[in-house]
C-alpha atoms as a PDB file:
ATOM      1  CA  MET A   1     240.083 111.346 196.484  1.00  0.00           C
ATOM      2  CA  LYS A   2     240.139 114.766 194.906  1.00  0.00           C
ATOM      3  CA  ARG A   3     243.011 115.473 192.601  1.00  0.00           C
ATOM      4  CA  PRO A   4     245.204 118.486 193.495  1.00  0.00           C
ATOM      5  CA  LEU A   5     244.009 122.006 192.800  1.00  0.00           C
ATOM      6  CA  ALA A   6     247.549 123.416 192.681  1.00  0.00           C
ATOM      7  CA  PRO A   7     247.873 123.508 188.840  1.00  0.00           C
ATOM      8  CA  GLY A   8     244.673 125.514 188.458  1.00  0.00           C
ATOM      9  CA  ILE A   9     245.533 127.920 191.254  1.00  0.00           C
ATOM     10  CA  ALA A  10     249.038 128.344 189.822  1.00  0.00           C
ATOM     11  CA  LEU A  11     247.745 129.267 186.353  1.00  0.00           C
ATOM     12  CA  ILE A  12     245.339 131.780 187.899  1.00  0.00           C
ATOM     13  CA  VAL A  13     248.215 133.347 189.848  1.00  0.00           C
ATOM     14  CA  CYS A  14     250.282 133.403 186.643  1.00  0.00           C
ATOM     15  CA  ALA A  15     247.471 135.177 184.794  1.00  0.00           C
ATOM     16  CA  LEU A  16     247.067 137.803 187.517  1.00  0.00           C
ATOM     17  CA  ALA A  17     250.819 138.369 187.721  1.00  0.00           C
ATOM     18  CA  LEU A  18     251.189 138.851 183.957  1.00  0.00           C
ATOM     19  CA  ALA A  19     248.223 141.229 183.933  1.00  0.00           C
ATOM     20  CA  ALA A  20     249.840 143.163 186.796  1.00  0.00           C
ATOM     21  CA  VAL A  21     252.967 143.674 184.677  1.00  0.00           C
ATOM     22  CA  SER A  22     250.962 145.560 182.066  1.00  0.00           C
ATOM     23  CA  VAL A  23     249.057 147.578 184.664  1.00  0.00           C
ATOM     24  CA  LEU A  24     252.299 148.629 186.368  1.00  0.00           C
ATOM     25  CA  GLU A  25     253.846 149.539 183.018  1.00  0.00           C
ATOM     26  CA  LEU A  26     250.885 151.766 182.094  1.00  0.00           C
ATOM     27  CA  ALA A  27     250.382 153.283 185.552  1.00  0.00           C
ATOM     28  CA  PRO A  28     252.652 156.349 185.010  1.00  0.00           C
ATOM     29  CA  GLY A  29     250.749 157.299 181.839  1.00  0.00           C
ATOM     30  CA  ASP A  30     252.559 159.767 179.596  1.00  0.00           C
ATOM     31  CA  ALA A  31     255.380 160.001 182.125  1.00  0.00           C
ATOM     32  CA  ARG A  32     256.559 156.593 180.967  1.00  0.00           C
ATOM     33  CA  GLY A  33     257.706 158.108 177.697  1.00  0.00           C
ATOM     34  CA  ASP A  34     259.100 155.956 174.916  1.00  0.00           C
ATOM     35  CA  GLY A  35     260.328 152.650 176.328  1.00  0.00           C
ATOM     36  CA  ASP A  36     262.894 152.430 173.545  1.00  0.00           C
ATOM     37  CA  ASN A  37     264.260 155.895 174.269  1.00  0.00           C
ATOM     38  CA  PRO A  38     267.000 155.581 176.930  1.00  0.00           C
ATOM     39  CA  ALA A  39     266.791 159.280 177.894  1.00  0.00           C
ATOM     40  CA  ASP A  40     263.036 158.986 178.549  1.00  0.00           C
ATOM     41  CA  SER A  41     263.521 155.741 180.412  1.00  0.00           C
ATOM     42  CA  LEU A  42     266.216 157.109 182.726  1.00  0.00           C
ATOM     43  CA  LYS A  43     263.759 159.842 183.760  1.00  0.00           C
ATOM     44  CA  TYR A  44     261.092 157.181 184.237  1.00  0.00           C
ATOM     45  CA  LEU A  45     263.373 155.088 186.462  1.00  0.00           C
ATOM     46  CA  ALA A  46     264.276 158.160 188.492  1.00  0.00           C
ATOM     47  CA  GLU A  47     260.608 158.942 189.190  1.00  0.00           C
ATOM     48  CA  PHE A  48     258.864 155.564 188.973  1.00  0.00           C
ATOM     49  CA  GLY A  49     261.656 153.047 189.474  1.00  0.00           C
ATOM     50  CA  LEU A  50     259.669 151.279 192.186  1.00  0.00           C
ATOM     51  CA  LEU A  51     256.921 150.469 189.690  1.00  0.00           C
ATOM     52  CA  TYR A  52     259.526 149.008 187.349  1.00  0.00           C
ATOM     53  CA  SER A  53     260.798 146.831 190.193  1.00  0.00           C
ATOM     54  CA  TYR A  54     257.259 145.733 191.001  1.00  0.00           C
ATOM     55  CA  SER A  55     256.702 144.782 187.358  1.00  0.00           C
ATOM     56  CA  GLY A  56     259.854 142.662 187.606  1.00  0.00           C
ATOM     57  CA  LEU A  57     258.569 141.040 190.787  1.00  0.00           C
ATOM     58  CA  ALA A  58     255.282 140.280 189.013  1.00  0.00           C
ATOM     59  CA  LEU A  59     257.226 138.563 186.222  1.00  0.00           C
ATOM     60  CA  VAL A  60     259.092 136.442 188.778  1.00  0.00           C
ATOM     61  CA  VAL A  61     255.844 135.461 190.497  1.00  0.00           C
ATOM     62  CA  GLY A  62     254.225 134.704 187.144  1.00  0.00           C
ATOM     63  CA  GLY A  63     257.166 132.585 186.016  1.00  0.00           C
ATOM     64  CA  VAL A  64     257.283 130.552 189.231  1.00  0.00           C
ATOM     65  CA  ALA A  65     253.518 130.028 189.121  1.00  0.00           C
ATOM     66  CA  LEU A  66     253.744 128.943 185.488  1.00  0.00           C
ATOM     67  CA  VAL A  67     256.270 126.239 186.387  1.00  0.00           C
ATOM     68  CA  VAL A  68     253.894 124.904 189.030  1.00  0.00           C
ATOM     69  CA  GLY A  69     251.043 124.949 186.518  1.00  0.00           C
ATOM     70  CA  VAL A  70     252.985 123.201 183.743  1.00  0.00           C
ATOM     71  CA  VAL A  71     254.467 120.527 186.007  1.00  0.00           C
ATOM     72  CA  GLY A  72     251.129 120.100 187.769  1.00  0.00           C
ATOM     73  CA  VAL A  73     249.290 119.465 184.507  1.00  0.00           C
ATOM     74  CA  ARG A  74     251.907 116.883 183.520  1.00  0.00           C
ATOM     75  CA  HIS A  75     251.420 115.237 186.910  1.00  0.00           C
ATOM     76  CA  LEU A  76     247.668 115.073 186.370  1.00  0.00           C
ATOM     77  CA  MET A  77     248.138 113.515 182.933  1.00  0.00           C
ATOM     78  CA  GLY A  78     250.727 110.977 184.056  1.00  0.00           C
ATOM     79  CA  GLN A  79     252.929 109.631 181.278  1.00  0.00           C
ATOM     80  CA  GLN A  80     250.236 109.242 178.634  1.00  0.00           C
ATOM     81  CA  SER A  81     251.420 111.755 176.064  1.00  0.00           C
ATOM     82  CA  LEU A  82     254.966 112.105 174.780  1.00  0.00           C
ATOM     83  CA  ALA A  83     253.825 114.916 172.459  1.00  0.00           C
ATOM     84  CA  PHE A  84     252.494 117.020 175.312  1.00  0.00           C
ATOM     85  CA  ALA A  85     255.503 116.172 177.468  1.00  0.00           C
ATOM     86  CA  ALA A  86     257.675 117.735 174.756  1.00  0.00           C
ATOM     87  CA  ALA A  87     255.336 120.723 174.515  1.00  0.00           C
ATOM     88  CA  SER A  88     255.568 121.157 178.289  1.00  0.00           C
ATOM     89  CA  THR A  89     259.233 121.984 177.824  1.00  0.00           C
ATOM     90  CA  PHE A  90     258.150 125.247 176.206  1.00  0.00           C
ATOM     91  CA  GLY A  91     256.136 126.114 179.307  1.00  0.00           C
ATOM     92  CA  VAL A  92     259.088 125.496 181.628  1.00  0.00           C
ATOM     93  CA  LEU A  93     261.483 127.415 179.364  1.00  0.00           C
ATOM     94  CA  GLY A  94     259.010 130.281 179.090  1.00  0.00           C
ATOM     95  CA  ALA A  95     258.704 130.427 182.864  1.00  0.00           C
ATOM     96  CA  GLY A  96     262.474 130.572 183.220  1.00  0.00           C
ATOM     97  CA  PHE A  97     262.737 133.398 180.706  1.00  0.00           C
ATOM     98  CA  LEU A  98     260.049 135.358 182.572  1.00  0.00           C
ATOM     99  CA  VAL A  99     261.855 134.929 185.889  1.00  0.00           C
ATOM    100  CA  VAL A 100     265.207 136.114 184.510  1.00  0.00           C
ATOM    101  CA  ALA A 101     263.554 139.080 182.755  1.00  0.00           C
ATOM    102  CA  GLY A 102     261.872 139.965 186.046  1.00  0.00           C
ATOM    103  CA  VAL A 103     265.122 139.808 187.995  1.00  0.00           C
ATOM    104  CA  MET A 104     266.767 142.099 185.424  1.00  0.00           C
ATOM    105  CA  ARG A 105     264.014 144.667 185.958  1.00  0.00           C
ATOM    106  CA  MET A 106     264.280 144.445 189.724  1.00  0.00           C
ATOM    107  CA  GLN A 107     268.039 144.945 189.579  1.00  0.00           C
ATOM    108  CA  ALA A 108     267.804 147.727 186.987  1.00  0.00           C
ATOM    109  CA  ASN A 109     265.919 150.013 189.362  1.00  0.00           C
ATOM    110  CA  GLY A 110     269.046 150.498 191.445  1.00  0.00           C
ATOM    111  CA  THR A 111     271.877 149.670 189.081  1.00  0.00           C
ATOM    112  CA  VAL A 112     270.924 151.720 186.018  1.00  0.00           C
ATOM    113  CA  PRO A 113     270.353 155.027 187.884  1.00  0.00           C
ATOM    114  CA  HIS A 114     273.621 154.455 189.752  1.00  0.00           C
ATOM    115  CA  ILE A 115     275.512 154.026 186.486  1.00  0.00           C
ATOM    116  CA  ALA A 116     273.721 157.075 185.053  1.00  0.00           C
ATOM    117  CA  GLY A 117     274.928 159.050 188.062  1.00  0.00           C
ATOM    118  CA  LEU A 118     278.500 158.257 187.049  1.00  0.00           C
ATOM    119  CA  ASP A 119     277.977 159.075 183.383  1.00  0.00           C
ATOM    120  CA  GLN A 120     274.769 159.811 181.474  1.00  0.00           C
ATOM    121  CA  ASP A 121     275.900 157.927 178.384  1.00  0.00           C
ATOM    122  CA  TRP A 122     276.825 154.899 180.470  1.00  0.00           C
ATOM    123  CA  GLY A 123     273.397 155.008 182.094  1.00  0.00           C
ATOM    124  CA  GLU A 124     271.641 155.103 178.734  1.00  0.00           C
ATOM    125  CA  ALA A 125     273.765 152.188 177.523  1.00  0.00           C
ATOM    126  CA  ALA A 126     272.947 150.234 180.701  1.00  0.00           C
ATOM    127  CA  TYR A 127     269.220 150.802 180.200  1.00  0.00           C
ATOM    128  CA  LEU A 128     269.441 149.732 176.556  1.00  0.00           C
ATOM    129  CA  ALA A 129     271.102 146.492 177.701  1.00  0.00           C
ATOM    130  CA  VAL A 130     268.167 145.828 180.030  1.00  0.00           C
ATOM    131  CA  GLN A 131     265.679 146.780 177.315  1.00  0.00           C
ATOM    132  CA  MET A 132     267.204 144.637 174.553  1.00  0.00           C
ATOM    133  CA  ALA A 133     268.278 141.610 176.599  1.00  0.00           C
ATOM    134  CA  GLY A 134     265.464 141.723 179.140  1.00  0.00           C
ATOM    135  CA  THR A 135     262.350 143.068 177.417  1.00  0.00           C
ATOM    136  CA  GLN A 136     263.001 142.422 173.733  1.00  0.00           C
ATOM    137  CA  GLY A 137     264.902 139.194 174.394  1.00  0.00           C
ATOM    138  CA  LEU A 138     263.970 137.248 177.516  1.00  0.00           C
ATOM    139  CA  LEU A 139     260.486 138.657 178.038  1.00  0.00           C
ATOM    140  CA  SER A 140     259.521 138.205 174.386  1.00  0.00           C
ATOM    141  CA  ALA A 141     260.900 134.674 174.326  1.00  0.00           C
ATOM    142  CA  GLY A 142     259.124 133.894 177.578  1.00  0.00           C
ATOM    143  CA  MET A 143     255.750 135.063 176.287  1.00  0.00           C
ATOM    144  CA  LEU A 144     256.178 133.190 172.999  1.00  0.00           C
ATOM    145  CA  ALA A 145     257.124 129.963 174.766  1.00  0.00           C
ATOM    146  CA  THR A 146     254.239 130.408 177.200  1.00  0.00           C
ATOM    147  CA  ALA A 147     251.854 130.969 174.290  1.00  0.00           C
ATOM    148  CA  ALA A 148     253.110 127.764 172.660  1.00  0.00           C
ATOM    149  CA  TRP A 149     252.421 125.759 175.818  1.00  0.00           C
ATOM    150  CA  LEU A 150     248.957 127.272 176.242  1.00  0.00           C
ATOM    151  CA  VAL A 151     248.065 126.351 172.661  1.00  0.00           C
ATOM    152  CA  ALA A 152     249.316 122.790 173.223  1.00  0.00           C
ATOM    153  CA  PHE A 153     247.309 122.522 176.436  1.00  0.00           C
ATOM    154  CA  GLY A 154     244.271 123.883 174.624  1.00  0.00           C
ATOM    155  CA  LEU A 155     244.583 121.034 172.122  1.00  0.00           C
ATOM    156  CA  VAL A 156     244.755 118.566 174.997  1.00  0.00           C
ATOM    157  CA  LEU A 157     241.595 119.993 176.546  1.00  0.00           C
ATOM    158  CA  TRP A 158     239.834 119.844 173.176  1.00  0.00           C
ATOM    159  CA  ARG A 159     240.808 116.207 172.683  1.00  0.00           C
ATOM    160  CA  ARG A 160     239.651 115.398 176.188  1.00  0.00           C
ATOM    161  CA  GLY A 161     236.219 116.892 175.555  1.00  0.00           C
ATOM    162  CA  VAL A 162     236.735 120.094 177.579  1.00  0.00           C
ATOM    163  CA  ARG A 163     235.676 122.182 174.607  1.00  0.00           C
ATOM    164  CA  VAL A 164     234.563 125.583 175.943  1.00  0.00           C
ATOM    165  CA  PRO A 165     237.766 126.466 177.864  1.00  0.00           C
ATOM    166  CA  ALA A 166     239.826 125.127 174.952  1.00  0.00           C
ATOM    167  CA  PHE A 167     238.612 127.999 172.760  1.00  0.00           C
ATOM    168  CA  ALA A 168     240.719 130.358 174.904  1.00  0.00           C
ATOM    169  CA  ALA A 169     243.807 128.894 173.213  1.00  0.00           C
ATOM    170  CA  ALA A 170     242.858 130.908 170.137  1.00  0.00           C
ATOM    171  CA  LEU A 171     244.167 134.022 171.904  1.00  0.00           C
ATOM    172  CA  PRO A 172     247.808 132.908 172.322  1.00  0.00           C
ATOM    173  CA  ALA A 173     247.560 131.146 168.950  1.00  0.00           C
ATOM    174  CA  VAL A 174     247.310 134.615 167.368  1.00  0.00           C
ATOM    175  CA  VAL A 175     250.777 135.380 168.751  1.00  0.00           C
ATOM    176  CA  LEU A 176     252.255 132.286 167.134  1.00  0.00           C
ATOM    177  CA  LEU A 177     250.426 132.745 163.822  1.00  0.00           C
ATOM    178  CA  ILE A 178     251.586 136.325 163.385  1.00  0.00           C
ATOM    179  CA  LEU A 179     255.145 135.368 164.288  1.00  0.00           C
ATOM    180  CA  LEU A 180     255.161 132.410 161.904  1.00  0.00           C
ATOM    181  CA  GLY A 181     253.671 134.566 159.161  1.00  0.00           C
ATOM    182  CA  ASP A 182     256.399 137.136 159.663  1.00  0.00           C
ATOM    183  CA  LEU A 183     259.085 134.449 159.470  1.00  0.00           C
ATOM    184  CA  ALA A 184     257.565 132.706 156.442  1.00  0.00           C
ATOM    185  CA  LEU A 185     256.849 135.907 154.507  1.00  0.00           C
ATOM    186  CA  PRO A 186     259.559 138.378 155.532  1.00  0.00           C
ATOM    187  CA  PHE A 187     259.161 140.288 152.278  1.00  0.00           C
ATOM    188  CA  VAL A 188     255.504 141.156 153.020  1.00  0.00           C
ATOM    189  CA  VAL A 189     255.023 144.433 154.863  1.00  0.00           C
ATOM    190  CA  ALA A 190     252.169 143.885 157.311  1.00  0.00           C
ATOM    191  CA  PRO A 191     249.896 146.803 158.235  1.00  0.00           C
ATOM    192  CA  ASP A 192     250.376 148.483 161.604  1.00  0.00           C
ATOM    193  CA  SER A 193     247.144 146.899 162.811  1.00  0.00           C
ATOM    194  CA  PHE A 194     248.865 143.501 162.819  1.00  0.00           C
ATOM    195  CA  PHE A 195     251.419 144.782 165.319  1.00  0.00           C
ATOM    196  CA  VAL A 196     248.638 146.132 167.532  1.00  0.00           C
ATOM    197  CA  VAL A 197     246.865 142.754 167.433  1.00  0.00           C
ATOM    198  CA  TYR A 198     250.152 140.996 168.194  1.00  0.00           C
ATOM    199  CA  ILE A 199     250.793 143.150 171.272  1.00  0.00           C
ATOM    200  CA  LEU A 200     247.207 142.776 172.493  1.00  0.00           C
ATOM    201  CA  ALA A 201     247.414 139.001 172.060  1.00  0.00           C
ATOM    202  CA  ILE A 202     250.505 138.978 174.294  1.00  0.00           C
ATOM    203  CA  VAL A 203     249.433 141.551 176.866  1.00  0.00           C
ATOM    204  CA  VAL A 204     245.765 140.521 177.099  1.00  0.00           C
ATOM    205  CA  GLY A 205     245.354 137.176 175.332  1.00  0.00           C
ATOM    206  CA  VAL A 206     248.013 135.163 177.164  1.00  0.00           C
ATOM    207  CA  PRO A 207     246.854 136.182 180.680  1.00  0.00           C
ATOM    208  CA  ILE A 208     243.193 135.589 179.796  1.00  0.00           C
ATOM    209  CA  CYS A 209     243.975 132.141 178.413  1.00  0.00           C
ATOM    210  CA  SER A 210     245.986 131.258 181.516  1.00  0.00           C
ATOM    211  CA  LEU A 211     243.112 132.450 183.700  1.00  0.00           C
ATOM    212  CA  VAL A 212     240.518 130.432 181.769  1.00  0.00           C
ATOM    213  CA  PHE A 213     242.638 127.273 181.897  1.00  0.00           C
ATOM    214  CA  GLY A 214     243.310 127.794 185.598  1.00  0.00           C
ATOM    215  CA  LEU A 215     239.612 128.120 186.369  1.00  0.00           C
ATOM    216  CA  ALA A 216     238.885 125.048 184.253  1.00  0.00           C
ATOM    217  CA  LEU A 217     241.445 123.023 186.224  1.00  0.00           C
ATOM    218  CA  LEU A 218     239.637 123.841 189.454  1.00  0.00           C
ATOM    219  CA  ARG A 219     236.782 121.672 188.212  1.00  0.00           C
ATOM    220  CA  GLU A 220     236.950 117.994 189.083  1.00  0.00           C
ATOM    221  CA  ARG A 221     235.518 117.123 185.664  1.00  0.00           C
ATOM    222  CA  THR A 222     238.441 118.787 183.879  1.00  0.00           C
ATOM    223  CA  ARG A 223     241.046 117.130 186.086  1.00  0.00           C
ATOM    224  CA  SER A 224     239.387 113.758 185.585  1.00  0.00           C
ATOM    225  CA  SER A 225     239.349 114.277 181.821  1.00  0.00           C
ATOM    226  CA  LEU A 226     243.114 114.800 181.844  1.00  0.00           C
ATOM    227  CA  LYS A 227     243.506 111.309 183.285  1.00  0.00           C
ATOM    228  CA  SER A 228     241.727 109.712 180.325  1.00  0.00           C
ATOM    229  CA  SER A 229     243.884 107.690 177.937  1.00  0.00           C
ATOM    230  CA  ASP A 230     242.489 108.643 174.544  1.00  0.00           C
ATOM    231  CA  ALA A 231     244.183 111.942 173.705  1.00  0.00           C
ATOM    232  CA  LEU A 232     247.417 113.135 172.168  1.00  0.00           C
ATOM    233  CA  GLN A 233     249.268 109.866 172.171  1.00  0.00           C
ATOM    234  CA  ALA A 234     252.662 109.909 170.481  1.00  0.00           C
END
């Protein structure tokens, strides 16, 4: 009997949804302005608010799909690995953060312009709340937690002999390494190129890794390997 394809399909959907978020963000071009500038962003919401809502919807879809992928992988593995079971918590938490960040964006399209219509300063403050709590807080935490789960799953695949797809875990690993380096060496001023690499690893690396793992899970050989009993015992 073939094992379920749902985890692989879910990770592919997650990858496409996360990629769609970036595409929707960049679609307005220069009209997007500075995302950290509330005045620019109020103009953006007035003209392209629907795109912002769609990016939120993509985050919700990606988060829900990620939950299916994480839980599905755990189902395929059974109860063999306590270490990976703990790591799977990061995937579920990350998915939840993505969903909440997406809902905030979807709600902001109507709420923030309405508040701005009452008072410009209130509108700018409302947008900053969405930006700090939603984008800088929930979305960042969601991507970091997702990256942690992808790296853990990459280690599982490596231990199970699925070596080529496992290399994709190097992409989200960059996110974690740069973050850990920043925390461990806060007194070191990193060059601007590090920030560019960090953003690319999140925007491009995480979706690509999710896509590669999803495609790998569509193969019967990969799913069978996850049932083996020789990896990541704890």
